Amino acid sequence: RFVNVDYPLIHILLEGIKAGLKRLVVSYDVACKYNINFEHRITHKDWPLVTSRELHSLKQLDLTWLVPKFHLAAHVDGCVDKYSFNWTKNVGRTCGENVESNWSSLNGLATSVREMGFGSRRD
């Protein structure tokens, strides 16, 4: 269900650990649901995403799951208390939405940067 997020996130977390990060905040629209079985999904016997050594390193990481402020308003009350940037120490006045704030202005670039298919390929 979340494999499209699990795979890149694991690689980001492992690179962060290699770089010496001790604490990381993950801001994701559905972090309240996503983090529930995170460890089980990444260590599943049929398709493990991490080795036992990598899992040990991940468990040493202080990982905080938060829901961006704009999305949090649509969540249930329990999410607001547990996953709010407003109540989390050491995140400042971050909203968690900044990575999405420039999408509308970038839409015009879509035709210029997309991968070209056989019908529109430039030689």
Protein backbone atom coordinates (compact mmCIF):
# COMPACT_ATOMS: atom_id res chain seq x y z
CA ARG A 1 0.00 0.00 0.00
CA PHE A 2 2.78 2.46 0.85
CA VAL A 3 5.64 0.88 -1.10
CA ASN A 4 5.99 3.95 -3.34
CA VAL A 5 6.83 5.97 -0.24
CA ASP A 6 8.64 3.27 1.77
CA TYR A 7 11.39 2.66 -0.77
CA PRO A 8 12.57 6.27 -1.28
CA LEU A 9 12.07 7.17 2.39
CA ILE A 10 14.27 4.28 3.55
CA HIS A 11 17.04 5.44 1.24
CA ILE A 12 16.72 9.02 2.48
CA LEU A 13 16.80 7.91 6.12
CA LEU A 14 19.83 5.68 5.58
CA GLU A 15 21.70 8.47 3.79
CA GLY A 16 20.83 10.80 6.65
CA ILE A 17 22.26 8.31 9.13
CA LYS A 18 25.45 8.02 7.04
CA ALA A 19 25.70 11.83 7.11
CA GLY A 20 25.53 11.75 10.90
CA LEU A 21 21.94 12.84 11.52
CA LYS A 22 20.61 11.87 14.92
CA ARG A 23 17.10 13.33 14.60
CA LEU A 24 14.81 13.61 11.61
CA VAL A 25 11.29 14.97 11.17
CA VAL A 26 9.12 13.40 8.47
CA SER A 27 6.32 15.68 7.29
CA TYR A 28 3.74 13.66 5.34
CA ASP A 29 0.04 14.31 4.69
CA VAL A 30 -0.95 10.92 6.12
CA ALA A 31 1.89 10.39 8.63
CA CYS A 32 -0.69 9.42 11.24
CA LYS A 33 -1.58 6.31 9.21
CA TYR A 34 1.72 5.79 7.41
CA ASN A 35 3.94 5.33 10.47
CA ILE A 36 1.71 2.72 12.16
CA ASN A 37 3.23 -0.36 10.48
CA PHE A 38 6.35 1.27 9.09
CA GLU A 39 8.83 -1.13 10.71
CA HIS A 40 6.77 -4.17 9.73
CA ARG A 41 6.56 -3.04 6.10
CA ILE A 42 10.28 -2.38 5.73
CA THR A 43 11.26 -5.70 7.33
CA HIS A 44 8.58 -7.91 5.74
CA LYS A 45 10.04 -11.36 5.00
CA ASP A 46 8.80 -11.42 1.39
CA TRP A 47 10.34 -8.08 0.44
CA PRO A 48 12.59 -6.59 3.11
CA LEU A 49 13.81 -3.07 2.37
CA VAL A 50 16.53 -3.05 5.02
CA THR A 51 19.11 -5.40 6.45
CA SER A 52 19.20 -6.16 10.16
CA ARG A 53 22.20 -3.80 10.52
CA GLU A 54 20.31 -0.99 8.75
CA LEU A 55 17.25 -1.61 10.93
CA HIS A 56 19.42 -1.30 14.03
CA SER A 57 20.74 2.04 12.73
CA LEU A 58 17.20 3.23 11.99
CA LYS A 59 16.10 2.38 15.52
CA GLN A 60 18.87 4.64 16.87
CA LEU A 61 17.48 7.56 14.86
CA ASP A 62 15.10 9.92 16.67
CA LEU A 63 12.37 9.89 14.02
CA THR A 64 9.39 12.22 14.44
CA TRP A 65 6.27 11.89 12.27
CA LEU A 66 4.20 15.04 11.68
CA VAL A 67 1.29 16.08 9.47
CA PRO A 68 1.61 19.45 7.68
CA LYS A 69 -0.59 22.18 9.15
CA PHE A 70 -2.87 22.62 6.13
CA HIS A 71 -3.68 18.89 6.00
CA LEU A 72 -3.99 18.47 9.76
CA ALA A 73 -7.25 20.45 9.84
CA ALA A 74 -9.00 17.61 7.97
CA HIS A 75 -7.78 14.91 10.39
CA VAL A 76 -9.48 13.60 13.52
CA ASP A 77 -8.82 15.22 16.90
CA GLY A 78 -6.29 12.57 17.98
CA CYS A 79 -4.10 13.42 15.00
CA VAL A 80 -4.12 17.10 15.81
CA ASP A 81 -2.66 16.49 19.25
CA LYS A 82 -0.06 13.90 18.32
CA TYR A 83 1.10 14.99 14.84
CA SER A 84 0.98 18.79 15.04
CA PHE A 85 4.00 20.97 14.30
CA ASN A 86 2.57 23.40 16.87
CA TRP A 87 3.14 21.01 19.78
CA THR A 88 6.47 19.51 18.71
CA LYS A 89 9.70 20.67 20.29
CA ASN A 90 12.57 21.95 18.14
CA VAL A 91 10.69 22.41 14.86
CA GLY A 92 10.15 26.15 15.21
CA ARG A 93 7.14 27.63 13.45
CA THR A 94 7.44 25.29 10.50
CA CYS A 95 4.24 24.54 8.63
CA GLY A 96 5.47 21.43 6.81
CA GLU A 97 3.92 22.58 3.53
CA ASN A 98 6.85 24.47 2.01
CA VAL A 99 7.85 21.65 -0.32
CA GLU A 100 4.40 21.84 -1.93
CA SER A 101 4.03 25.63 -2.02
CA ASN A 102 5.72 26.13 -5.39
CA TRP A 103 3.94 23.39 -7.34
CA SER A 104 1.38 25.69 -8.94
CA SER A 105 4.07 27.99 -10.32
CA LEU A 106 6.01 24.99 -11.69
CA ASN A 107 3.09 23.51 -13.64
CA GLY A 108 4.08 25.49 -16.73
CA LEU A 109 7.42 23.68 -16.82
CA ALA A 110 5.79 20.28 -17.18
CA THR A 111 5.82 20.28 -20.98
CA SER A 112 9.47 21.33 -21.09
CA VAL A 113 10.90 18.86 -18.62
CA ARG A 114 8.90 15.71 -19.21
CA GLU A 115 10.54 12.71 -20.77
CA MET A 116 10.07 12.68 -24.51
CA GLY A 117 8.31 9.72 -26.10
CA PHE A 118 8.80 8.37 -29.61
CA GLY A 119 6.17 10.68 -31.09
CA SER A 120 7.74 13.86 -29.76
CA ARG A 121 11.39 12.98 -29.53
CA ARG A 122 13.94 15.57 -30.60
CA ASP A 123 16.86 14.30 -32.63
